[in-house]
Amino acid sequence: MHVIVIGAGIIGAAIALRLAQRGHRVSVIDSGAPGATAASFGWINASFHLTPEHYHLRAEGIAAWHRLTPLLGESVTWQGCLWWEELGPKLQAFAAQLQRLGYPVERRAPDLPMLAAPPGEALFFPAEGIAAPAATRDALLALATGQGAQVLRGMAVQAVETEAGRVTGIRTDAGRVAADHVVIAAGTGAPDLLHDLGLALPMLPRPGLMLRSSPVPVLDIPILCTPQGEVRQGADGCLWASAAVGHQADDATTIADAMDSAQTAAARIGALFQDPPARWDEVRLAWRPMPGDGLPVIGAADPQGLSVAVMHSGITLAAITAEILADEITTGARRNDLNPFRPERFLA
């Protein structure tokens, strides 16, 4: 079966790999347009969730990343997360909620000398980690091409083509590509492609700014989730931080002044450390692909031969989404636990 994956972000790359491993002929279409992956924080977690079903999917996402980690080298790391975004009774309530769900939680008095004012108590989530977004995407695509997949770059998809209620391929600005199945993993570009098929996918406008510092000495820190914001250190020594506090739940629809927001966030994050970074070298803007109810959209849709994979956070859910879609496309079976996330809740 020839499967086209529209979108070469981390979700499309993971799907391409798992499909190629199942023996399909796979073509990944990369328009070259900036997507959300390059401006992602990279956090793999299930501590953030919207519903119990969403929690369980994210927990499966962690397990799926562990199955991929041996193939990916150092682009995926499991340093855990230290969380004190809220303190006192709210911290205790959050710990109790996660423990009821079965999530690994440890209470700690952080011993991190690089912090300017460490909290008296924090929660440590040992199961959490980071998939360095660009490096992990590139590694997944390299593994996929090693399994026979092909990446077609610089092509903008104009439409998914159908005949007699079945997908037959795609039309691009460089011509037509025939296929037996098409997966739309195009992030914020997905609604336009679906609209042309007579399908509606409501999306929430969710801009996000990510900051990257100049390299600093190795801090040996977990992911830090603090009242000042989330921050992590990359393998190159650079600190990465979101401009929004609690960025996973950030519901801002616009950014009035990107530079002002970035400068405010840089000062706020810098205040966490005894020796703050000398410079914040880069600010990246991405429009996060957030479906209308905030939950992932994963699975088959009409016409026959079409699947959809659109979500935030794509980092946490890329690995499990790839496994699920590869299974469903190959076998035609449907997983009941995916029902809350299927496209038909919107695509009517």
Protein backbone atom coordinates (compact mmCIF):
# COMPACT_ATOMS: atom_id res chain seq x y z
CA MET A 1 0.00 0.00 0.00
CA HIS A 2 1.26 3.48 -0.89
CA VAL A 3 0.62 5.90 1.97
CA ILE A 4 1.20 9.63 1.69
CA VAL A 5 1.86 11.52 4.93
CA ILE A 6 1.17 15.24 4.56
CA GLY A 7 3.42 17.02 7.04
CA ALA A 8 7.05 16.45 8.03
CA GLY A 9 6.87 17.65 11.63
CA ILE A 10 7.50 15.27 14.49
CA ILE A 11 4.06 13.63 14.14
CA GLY A 12 4.36 13.05 10.41
CA ALA A 13 7.93 11.80 10.81
CA ALA A 14 6.94 9.28 13.51
CA ILE A 15 3.96 8.06 11.45
CA ALA A 16 6.17 7.65 8.39
CA LEU A 17 8.64 5.52 10.34
CA ARG A 18 6.02 3.20 11.84
CA LEU A 19 4.26 2.78 8.47
CA ALA A 20 7.54 2.01 6.71
CA GLN A 21 8.37 -0.54 9.40
CA ARG A 22 5.04 -2.23 8.63
CA GLY A 23 6.11 -2.66 5.03
CA HIS A 24 4.16 0.17 3.37
CA ARG A 25 5.52 2.36 0.62
CA VAL A 26 5.57 5.79 2.28
CA SER A 27 5.91 9.29 0.85
CA VAL A 28 6.23 12.27 3.22
CA ILE A 29 5.24 15.65 1.79
CA ASP A 30 7.18 18.56 3.27
CA SER A 31 6.06 21.96 1.99
CA GLY A 32 8.95 23.67 3.77
CA ALA A 33 6.62 26.04 5.60
CA PRO A 34 7.49 26.66 9.27
CA GLY A 35 5.53 24.40 11.59
CA ALA A 36 5.06 23.97 15.31
CA THR A 37 7.79 21.36 15.81
CA ALA A 38 10.77 23.71 15.52
CA ALA A 39 9.28 26.07 18.11
CA SER A 40 8.23 23.37 20.56
CA PHE A 41 9.51 23.00 24.12
CA GLY A 42 9.93 19.27 23.58
CA TRP A 43 8.33 18.04 26.81
CA ILE A 44 7.09 14.44 27.02
CA ASN A 45 4.64 14.20 29.90
CA ALA A 46 1.26 13.09 31.20
CA SER A 47 1.14 15.41 34.22
CA PHE A 48 -0.72 17.88 31.99
CA HIS A 49 -4.04 16.47 30.77
CA LEU A 50 -7.62 17.59 30.20
CA THR A 51 -9.62 14.41 30.90
CA PRO A 52 -8.88 10.96 32.36
CA GLU A 53 -8.92 9.53 28.82
CA HIS A 54 -6.47 12.22 27.73
CA TYR A 55 -4.23 11.31 30.67
CA HIS A 56 -4.18 7.64 29.70
CA LEU A 57 -3.36 8.48 26.08
CA ARG A 58 -0.49 10.70 27.20
CA ALA A 59 0.76 8.00 29.58
CA GLU A 60 0.73 5.59 26.63
CA GLY A 61 2.63 8.28 24.76
CA ILE A 62 5.44 8.09 27.31
CA ALA A 63 5.61 4.31 26.96
CA ALA A 64 5.66 4.62 23.16
CA TRP A 65 8.59 7.04 23.32
CA HIS A 66 10.49 4.54 25.47
CA ARG A 67 9.99 1.99 22.69
CA LEU A 68 11.48 4.47 20.21
CA THR A 69 14.30 5.84 22.39
CA PRO A 70 16.80 3.02 21.63
CA LEU A 71 16.55 3.95 17.93
CA LEU A 72 16.99 7.70 18.45
CA GLY A 73 20.16 8.09 20.46
CA GLU A 74 20.60 11.24 22.51
CA SER A 75 17.77 13.28 20.99
CA VAL A 76 15.36 11.85 23.60
CA THR A 77 16.33 12.15 27.27
CA TRP A 78 14.59 11.16 30.51
CA GLN A 79 15.70 13.68 33.12
CA GLY A 80 12.31 13.98 34.85
CA CYS A 81 10.47 17.17 35.75
CA LEU A 82 10.54 19.22 38.95
CA TRP A 83 7.19 21.00 39.37
CA TRP A 84 6.30 23.84 41.71
CA GLU A 85 4.11 25.95 39.46
CA GLU A 86 1.72 26.19 42.40
CA LEU A 87 2.46 25.76 46.09
CA GLY A 88 0.73 24.80 49.33
CA PRO A 89 -2.69 23.14 49.10
CA LYS A 90 -2.74 23.36 45.29
CA LEU A 91 0.55 21.45 45.05
CA GLN A 92 -0.80 18.81 47.42
CA ALA A 93 -4.07 18.51 45.50
CA PHE A 94 -2.20 18.13 42.20
CA ALA A 95 0.00 15.39 43.65
CA ALA A 96 -3.05 13.55 44.98
CA GLN A 97 -4.86 13.78 41.64
CA LEU A 98 -1.89 12.33 39.73
CA GLN A 99 -1.34 9.58 42.29
CA ARG A 100 -4.98 8.51 41.96
CA LEU A 101 -4.37 8.12 38.24
CA GLY A 102 -1.30 6.00 38.94
CA TYR A 103 1.26 8.58 37.78
CA PRO A 104 4.72 8.40 39.42
CA VAL A 105 5.06 11.39 41.78
CA GLU A 106 7.74 12.14 44.37
CA ARG A 107 7.69 15.03 46.85
CA ARG A 108 11.03 16.75 47.22
CA ALA A 109 12.73 19.70 48.81
CA PRO A 110 14.82 20.70 45.78
CA ASP A 111 18.58 20.76 46.29
CA LEU A 112 19.58 22.80 43.26
CA PRO A 113 22.30 25.35 44.15
CA MET A 114 21.95 27.13 40.80
CA LEU A 115 18.47 28.37 41.75
CA ALA A 116 18.19 31.83 43.27
CA ALA A 117 15.30 30.92 45.56
CA PRO A 118 14.48 27.18 45.54
CA PRO A 119 11.06 26.26 46.91
CA GLY A 120 10.66 24.39 50.17
CA GLU A 121 8.73 21.63 48.42
CA ALA A 122 8.20 20.52 44.85
CA LEU A 123 6.87 17.52 42.95
CA PHE A 124 9.21 15.36 40.90
CA PHE A 125 7.81 13.42 37.95
CA PRO A 126 10.50 10.83 37.11
CA ALA A 127 8.70 9.49 34.01
CA GLU A 128 8.99 12.74 32.06
CA GLY A 129 11.55 13.70 29.47
CA ILE A 130 12.44 15.74 26.41
CA ALA A 131 12.39 14.95 22.72
CA ALA A 132 14.64 17.65 21.27
CA PRO A 133 12.17 18.72 18.59
CA ALA A 134 14.23 19.31 15.45
CA ALA A 135 16.82 16.64 16.21
CA THR A 136 14.18 14.02 17.00
CA ARG A 137 12.15 14.85 13.89
CA ASP A 138 15.26 14.58 11.73
CA ALA A 139 16.24 11.28 13.35
CA LEU A 140 12.74 9.85 12.77
CA LEU A 141 12.80 10.90 9.11
CA ALA A 142 16.26 9.39 8.67
CA LEU A 143 15.05 6.12 10.18
CA ALA A 144 11.96 6.21 7.94
CA THR A 145 14.01 6.75 4.78
CA GLY A 146 16.31 3.96 5.93
CA GLN A 147 13.22 1.75 5.85
CA GLY A 148 12.41 2.86 2.31
CA ALA A 149 10.27 5.96 2.87
CA GLN A 150 10.68 8.95 0.55
CA VAL A 151 10.55 12.62 1.55
CA LEU A 152 9.27 15.06 -1.09
CA ARG A 153 10.34 18.56 -0.08
CA GLY A 154 9.21 21.97 -1.27
CA MET A 155 5.82 20.75 -2.47
CA ALA A 156 2.64 22.44 -1.26
CA VAL A 157 -0.40 20.15 -1.18
CA GLN A 158 -3.33 21.81 -2.88
CA ALA A 159 -5.94 19.09 -2.37
CA VAL A 160 -6.59 15.49 -1.41
CA GLU A 161 -8.12 13.82 -4.46
CA THR A 162 -10.95 11.29 -4.30
CA GLU A 163 -13.03 9.14 -6.62
CA ALA A 164 -16.23 7.24 -5.76
CA GLY A 165 -15.84 7.98 -2.05
CA ARG A 166 -12.23 6.87 -1.84
CA VAL A 167 -8.91 8.71 -1.64
CA THR A 168 -6.84 8.35 -4.80
CA GLY A 169 -3.93 10.68 -4.05
CA ILE A 170 -3.03 14.33 -3.69
CA ARG A 171 -2.57 17.31 -5.97
CA THR A 172 0.47 19.49 -5.33
CA ASP A 173 1.89 22.57 -6.98
CA ALA A 174 4.38 20.18 -8.61
CA GLY A 175 1.77 17.77 -9.94
CA ARG A 176 -0.32 14.81 -8.83
CA VAL A 177 0.87 11.96 -6.59
CA ALA A 178 -1.27 8.81 -6.52
CA ALA A 179 -1.80 6.93 -3.26
CA ASP A 180 -3.93 4.28 -1.59
CA HIS A 181 -4.11 6.14 1.73
CA VAL A 182 -3.42 9.71 2.86
CA VAL A 183 -2.60 10.83 6.39
CA ILE A 184 -3.11 14.53 7.12
CA ALA A 185 -0.56 15.48 9.77
CA ALA A 186 -0.26 19.07 8.60
CA GLY A 187 -0.93 20.87 11.89
CA THR A 188 -2.64 24.20 11.38
CA GLY A 189 -2.79 23.47 7.65
CA ALA A 190 -5.12 20.51 8.19
CA PRO A 191 -8.45 22.42 8.30
CA ASP A 192 -8.02 23.82 4.78
CA LEU A 193 -7.28 20.39 3.32
CA LEU A 194 -10.27 18.89 5.13
CA HIS A 195 -12.55 21.78 4.16
CA ASP A 196 -11.96 21.01 0.50
CA LEU A 197 -13.28 17.51 1.23
CA GLY A 198 -16.43 18.97 2.78
CA LEU A 199 -15.19 18.32 6.33
CA ALA A 200 -14.92 20.80 9.18
CA LEU A 201 -12.16 20.78 11.80
CA PRO A 202 -12.50 23.72 14.20
CA MET A 203 -9.20 25.01 15.51
CA LEU A 204 -8.35 27.37 18.36
CA PRO A 205 -5.86 30.18 17.61
CA ARG A 206 -2.93 29.46 19.92
CA PRO A 207 0.27 31.38 19.21
CA GLY A 208 3.31 30.45 21.27
CA LEU A 209 6.74 32.00 21.71
CA MET A 210 9.80 29.91 22.56
CA LEU A 211 13.07 31.43 23.77
CA ARG A 212 16.58 30.02 23.37
CA SER A 213 19.49 31.36 25.39
CA SER A 214 23.17 31.48 24.62
CA PRO A 215 25.01 28.40 25.98
CA VAL A 216 25.57 28.34 29.72
CA PRO A 217 27.59 25.91 31.86
CA VAL A 218 25.98 22.50 32.36
CA LEU A 219 23.40 22.88 35.13
CA ASP A 220 22.44 19.20 35.47
CA ILE A 221 18.79 20.10 36.02
CA PRO A 222 15.55 18.30 35.30
CA ILE A 223 12.81 20.09 33.40
CA LEU A 224 11.74 22.94 35.68
CA CYS A 225 8.07 23.89 35.87
CA THR A 226 7.91 27.00 38.05
CA PRO A 227 5.74 30.03 38.78
CA GLN A 228 8.10 31.94 36.47
CA GLY A 229 7.62 29.49 33.61
CA GLU A 230 9.03 26.24 32.25
CA VAL A 231 12.69 25.90 31.40
CA ARG A 232 15.04 23.13 30.30
CA GLN A 233 18.64 22.87 29.19
CA GLY A 234 19.55 21.35 25.84
CA ALA A 235 22.53 19.19 24.98
CA ASP A 236 24.26 22.27 23.54
CA GLY A 237 24.02 24.10 26.88
CA CYS A 238 21.29 26.48 25.71
CA LEU A 239 18.28 27.09 27.91
CA TRP A 240 14.84 26.76 26.33
CA ALA A 241 11.82 28.47 27.84
CA SER A 242 8.29 29.37 26.87
CA ALA A 243 7.28 33.00 26.99
CA ALA A 244 4.01 31.98 28.66
CA VAL A 245 3.79 30.63 32.19
CA GLY A 246 2.04 27.25 32.12
CA HIS A 247 2.36 27.23 28.34
CA GLN A 248 0.60 23.89 27.81
CA ALA A 249 -2.64 25.39 29.12
CA ASP A 250 -2.01 28.89 27.73
CA ASP A 251 -5.18 30.06 26.01
CA ALA A 252 -4.01 33.41 24.65
CA THR A 253 -5.29 33.94 21.12
CA THR A 254 -2.91 36.74 20.10
CA ILE A 255 0.52 38.12 20.94
CA ALA A 256 0.36 41.91 20.98
CA ASP A 257 4.12 42.53 21.02
CA ALA A 258 6.39 39.54 20.50
CA MET A 259 9.60 41.33 21.49
CA ASP A 260 8.08 42.79 24.63
CA SER A 261 6.68 39.38 25.59
CA ALA A 262 10.05 37.76 24.98
CA GLN A 263 11.96 40.34 27.02
CA THR A 264 9.51 40.05 29.91
CA ALA A 265 9.79 36.26 29.85
CA ALA A 266 13.60 36.37 29.63
CA ALA A 267 13.79 38.54 32.75
CA ARG A 268 11.30 36.33 34.58
CA ILE A 269 13.10 33.09 33.72
CA GLY A 270 16.52 34.61 34.35
CA ALA A 271 15.47 35.50 37.89
CA LEU A 272 15.20 31.79 38.67
CA PHE A 273 18.97 31.37 38.57
CA GLN A 274 21.91 32.58 40.63
CA ASP A 275 23.73 33.26 37.34
CA PRO A 276 21.16 34.02 34.65
CA PRO A 277 22.04 33.62 30.96
CA ALA A 278 23.94 36.54 29.49
CA ARG A 279 21.80 36.52 26.34
CA TRP A 280 18.61 35.08 24.91
CA ASP A 281 19.70 34.62 21.31
CA GLU A 282 16.53 33.49 19.60
CA VAL A 283 12.76 33.87 19.78
CA ARG A 284 10.58 31.46 17.80
CA LEU A 285 6.88 31.88 17.09
CA ALA A 286 4.62 28.95 16.25
CA TRP A 287 0.87 28.57 15.91
CA ARG A 288 0.11 25.44 17.90
CA PRO A 289 -2.33 23.03 16.21
CA MET A 290 -5.10 23.02 18.82
CA PRO A 291 -8.42 21.37 17.86
CA GLY A 292 -11.56 23.15 19.01
CA ASP A 293 -12.06 21.17 22.23
CA GLY A 294 -8.35 21.07 23.06
CA LEU A 295 -8.13 17.30 22.58
CA PRO A 296 -6.19 15.39 19.90
CA VAL A 297 -7.78 14.40 16.60
CA ILE A 298 -6.49 10.95 15.62
CA GLY A 299 -7.90 8.31 13.30
CA ALA A 300 -9.73 7.50 10.10
CA ALA A 301 -12.22 9.87 8.45
CA ASP A 302 -14.40 9.79 5.34
CA PRO A 303 -13.65 9.40 2.48
CA GLN A 304 -12.21 5.91 2.71
CA GLY A 305 -8.43 5.92 2.77
CA LEU A 306 -8.08 9.13 4.82
CA SER A 307 -6.61 9.49 8.31
CA VAL A 308 -6.04 12.59 10.43
CA ALA A 309 -3.44 13.34 13.13
CA VAL A 310 -3.72 16.89 14.50
CA MET A 311 -2.99 17.78 18.12
CA HIS A 312 -1.18 19.67 20.83
CA SER A 313 1.08 18.41 22.25
CA GLY A 314 2.48 16.66 19.25
CA ILE A 315 5.73 16.01 21.10
CA THR A 316 4.10 13.93 23.83
CA LEU A 317 1.73 12.11 21.48
CA ALA A 318 3.77 11.62 18.29
CA ALA A 319 5.09 8.17 19.16
CA ILE A 320 1.77 6.66 20.29
CA THR A 321 -0.13 8.31 17.43
CA ALA A 322 2.29 6.71 14.98
CA GLU A 323 1.81 3.28 16.51
CA ILE A 324 -1.99 3.58 16.53
CA LEU A 325 -2.31 4.82 12.95
CA ALA A 326 0.19 2.30 11.60
CA ASP A 327 -1.86 -0.48 13.21
CA GLU A 328 -5.21 0.85 12.03
CA ILE A 329 -4.07 1.55 8.47
CA THR A 330 -2.43 -1.87 8.22
CA THR A 331 -5.15 -4.00 9.84
CA GLY A 332 -8.32 -1.91 9.53
CA ALA A 333 -9.03 -2.53 13.24
CA ARG A 334 -10.22 0.28 15.51
CA ARG A 335 -9.09 0.81 19.10
CA ASN A 336 -12.02 1.58 21.38
CA ASP A 337 -9.89 3.68 23.74
CA LEU A 338 -9.26 6.08 20.84
CA ASN A 339 -12.97 6.88 20.45
CA PRO A 340 -12.86 10.18 22.43
CA PHE A 341 -10.23 11.46 20.02
CA ARG A 342 -11.58 10.33 16.67
CA PRO A 343 -12.22 12.87 13.91
CA GLU A 344 -15.93 12.13 13.62
CA ARG A 345 -16.67 14.23 16.68
CA PHE A 346 -15.90 17.23 14.44
CA LEU A 347 -15.93 15.97 10.88
CA ALA A 348 -19.67 15.76 10.30
